[in-house]
Amino acid sequence: MKSSARGKPTLVAKVDGISSRGFWLRMDEARRFLAFARHPWFRGARRADLMNVARPSADHLYWPALDVDLSVESLDHPERFPLKSRVAVARPRAARARG
């Protein structure tokens, strides 16, 4: 009896928690928190769109409905990626009132 050929290895990324400040992303054995303050393009995203994440390669994350691509390295070493998003994020009313 001959075994069938092995399938393609799969790289998995999964959103396993969402809060008002950001969300948790699990990859391999690691769990990373992506804060909306640092990644504003995720703020206001529908839950289903946020949870629909693909990992096409070991260092590439992609959210198709949001058209967002991220490098895993940018999550592990943000100091190496000094450019910030120019997406305007509305502050909550209470924060605006305090100044």
C-alpha atoms as a PDB file:
ATOM      1  CA  MET A   1       0.000   0.000   0.000  1.00  0.00           C
ATOM      2  CA  LYS A   2       1.334   3.407  -0.960  1.00  0.00           C
ATOM      3  CA  SER A   3       0.530   6.571   0.967  1.00  0.00           C
ATOM      4  CA  SER A   4      -0.908   9.498  -0.883  1.00  0.00           C
ATOM      5  CA  ALA A   5       1.273  12.530  -1.494  1.00  0.00           C
ATOM      6  CA  ARG A   6       1.479  15.119   1.232  1.00  0.00           C
ATOM      7  CA  GLY A   7      -0.583  18.235   0.782  1.00  0.00           C
ATOM      8  CA  LYS A   8       0.726  21.752   0.710  1.00  0.00           C
ATOM      9  CA  PRO A   9       1.678  23.020   4.176  1.00  0.00           C
ATOM     10  CA  THR A  10      -0.796  25.582   5.423  1.00  0.00           C
ATOM     11  CA  LEU A  11       0.000  28.761   7.265  1.00  0.00           C
ATOM     12  CA  VAL A  12      -2.786  29.786   9.575  1.00  0.00           C
ATOM     13  CA  ALA A  13      -3.656  33.101  11.153  1.00  0.00           C
ATOM     14  CA  LYS A  14      -6.780  33.439  13.253  1.00  0.00           C
ATOM     15  CA  VAL A  15      -8.410  36.335  15.073  1.00  0.00           C
ATOM     16  CA  ASP A  16      -9.406  34.924  18.435  1.00  0.00           C
ATOM     17  CA  GLY A  17     -10.487  37.953  20.398  1.00  0.00           C
ATOM     18  CA  ILE A  18     -11.721  41.483  19.701  1.00  0.00           C
ATOM     19  CA  SER A  19     -12.010  44.350  22.166  1.00  0.00           C
ATOM     20  CA  SER A  20     -12.670  48.068  21.928  1.00  0.00           C
ATOM     21  CA  ARG A  21      -8.880  48.686  21.861  1.00  0.00           C
ATOM     22  CA  GLY A  22      -7.832  46.100  19.270  1.00  0.00           C
ATOM     23  CA  PHE A  23      -7.798  42.391  18.541  1.00  0.00           C
ATOM     24  CA  TRP A  24      -5.770  39.251  19.205  1.00  0.00           C
ATOM     25  CA  LEU A  25      -4.220  37.400  16.302  1.00  0.00           C
ATOM     26  CA  ARG A  26      -2.943  33.832  16.709  1.00  0.00           C
ATOM     27  CA  MET A  27      -0.227  32.538  14.392  1.00  0.00           C
ATOM     28  CA  ASP A  28       1.706  29.340  14.960  1.00  0.00           C
ATOM     29  CA  GLU A  29       2.204  29.186  18.730  1.00  0.00           C
ATOM     30  CA  ALA A  30       2.262  32.964  19.211  1.00  0.00           C
ATOM     31  CA  ARG A  31      -0.553  35.358  20.032  1.00  0.00           C
ATOM     32  CA  ARG A  32      -0.181  39.036  19.130  1.00  0.00           C
ATOM     33  CA  PHE A  33      -2.321  42.036  20.031  1.00  0.00           C
ATOM     34  CA  LEU A  34      -2.986  44.545  17.248  1.00  0.00           C
ATOM     35  CA  ALA A  35      -4.064  47.826  18.810  1.00  0.00           C
ATOM     36  CA  PHE A  36      -6.436  50.008  16.813  1.00  0.00           C
ATOM     37  CA  ALA A  37      -4.299  53.004  17.843  1.00  0.00           C
ATOM     38  CA  ARG A  38      -1.356  51.560  15.897  1.00  0.00           C
ATOM     39  CA  HIS A  39      -3.438  49.912  13.134  1.00  0.00           C
ATOM     40  CA  PRO A  40      -6.344  52.367  12.598  1.00  0.00           C
ATOM     41  CA  TRP A  41      -7.528  50.833   9.320  1.00  0.00           C
ATOM     42  CA  PHE A  42      -9.022  47.974  11.357  1.00  0.00           C
ATOM     43  CA  ARG A  43     -11.073  50.277  13.612  1.00  0.00           C
ATOM     44  CA  GLY A  44     -14.731  50.193  12.630  1.00  0.00           C
ATOM     45  CA  ALA A  45     -14.292  47.070  10.488  1.00  0.00           C
ATOM     46  CA  ARG A  46     -17.107  44.564  10.572  1.00  0.00           C
ATOM     47  CA  ARG A  47     -16.352  41.604  12.807  1.00  0.00           C
ATOM     48  CA  ALA A  48     -16.656  39.151   9.896  1.00  0.00           C
ATOM     49  CA  ASP A  49     -14.209  41.188   7.799  1.00  0.00           C
ATOM     50  CA  LEU A  50     -11.719  41.393  10.662  1.00  0.00           C
ATOM     51  CA  MET A  51     -11.889  37.659  11.260  1.00  0.00           C
ATOM     52  CA  ASN A  52     -11.401  36.860   7.557  1.00  0.00           C
ATOM     53  CA  VAL A  53      -7.589  36.883   7.517  1.00  0.00           C
ATOM     54  CA  ALA A  54      -5.348  34.916   5.173  1.00  0.00           C
ATOM     55  CA  ARG A  55      -1.681  34.076   5.582  1.00  0.00           C
ATOM     56  CA  PRO A  56      -0.353  33.500   2.046  1.00  0.00           C
ATOM     57  CA  SER A  57       3.244  33.191   3.276  1.00  0.00           C
ATOM     58  CA  ALA A  58       5.091  33.038   6.583  1.00  0.00           C
ATOM     59  CA  ASP A  59       5.586  36.835   6.687  1.00  0.00           C
ATOM     60  CA  HIS A  60       2.410  38.008   4.922  1.00  0.00           C
ATOM     61  CA  LEU A  61      -1.046  38.629   6.380  1.00  0.00           C
ATOM     62  CA  TYR A  62      -3.967  39.755   4.234  1.00  0.00           C
ATOM     63  CA  TRP A  63      -7.514  40.867   5.031  1.00  0.00           C
ATOM     64  CA  PRO A  64      -9.281  40.669   1.630  1.00  0.00           C
ATOM     65  CA  ALA A  65     -12.472  42.544   2.527  1.00  0.00           C
ATOM     66  CA  LEU A  66     -10.439  45.405   4.019  1.00  0.00           C
ATOM     67  CA  ASP A  67      -7.657  45.275   1.410  1.00  0.00           C
ATOM     68  CA  VAL A  68      -5.043  45.374   4.179  1.00  0.00           C
ATOM     69  CA  ASP A  69      -1.654  43.679   3.884  1.00  0.00           C
ATOM     70  CA  LEU A  70       0.729  43.413   6.829  1.00  0.00           C
ATOM     71  CA  SER A  71       4.132  41.913   7.332  1.00  0.00           C
ATOM     72  CA  VAL A  72       4.411  39.641  10.374  1.00  0.00           C
ATOM     73  CA  GLU A  73       7.789  41.255  10.988  1.00  0.00           C
ATOM     74  CA  SER A  74       6.054  44.634  11.396  1.00  0.00           C
ATOM     75  CA  LEU A  75       4.084  43.152  14.295  1.00  0.00           C
ATOM     76  CA  ASP A  76       7.147  41.614  15.932  1.00  0.00           C
ATOM     77  CA  HIS A  77       9.458  44.608  15.351  1.00  0.00           C
ATOM     78  CA  PRO A  78       7.407  47.795  14.906  1.00  0.00           C
ATOM     79  CA  GLU A  79      10.526  49.926  15.481  1.00  0.00           C
ATOM     80  CA  ARG A  80      11.799  48.739  12.081  1.00  0.00           C
ATOM     81  CA  PHE A  81       8.694  50.157  10.382  1.00  0.00           C
ATOM     82  CA  PRO A  82       8.498  53.840  11.347  1.00  0.00           C
ATOM     83  CA  LEU A  83       5.935  54.885   8.731  1.00  0.00           C
ATOM     84  CA  LYS A  84       2.481  55.417  10.182  1.00  0.00           C
ATOM     85  CA  SER A  85      -0.915  55.276   8.544  1.00  0.00           C
ATOM     86  CA  ARG A  86      -2.483  58.571   7.522  1.00  0.00           C
ATOM     87  CA  VAL A  87      -5.978  57.216   8.093  1.00  0.00           C
ATOM     88  CA  ALA A  88      -7.883  59.749  10.169  1.00  0.00           C
ATOM     89  CA  VAL A  89      -9.390  58.211  13.258  1.00  0.00           C
ATOM     90  CA  ALA A  90     -12.266  59.975  14.960  1.00  0.00           C
ATOM     91  CA  ARG A  91     -11.802  60.271  18.695  1.00  0.00           C
ATOM     92  CA  PRO A  92     -14.733  59.377  20.965  1.00  0.00           C
ATOM     93  CA  ARG A  93     -16.778  62.368  22.145  1.00  0.00           C
ATOM     94  CA  ALA A  94     -15.588  62.027  25.745  1.00  0.00           C
ATOM     95  CA  ALA A  95     -11.960  62.265  24.590  1.00  0.00           C
ATOM     96  CA  ARG A  96     -12.711  65.350  22.472  1.00  0.00           C
ATOM     97  CA  ALA A  97     -14.432  67.046  25.387  1.00  0.00           C
ATOM     98  CA  ARG A  98     -11.379  66.564  27.633  1.00  0.00           C
ATOM     99  CA  GLY A  99      -9.192  68.123  24.999  1.00  0.00           C
END
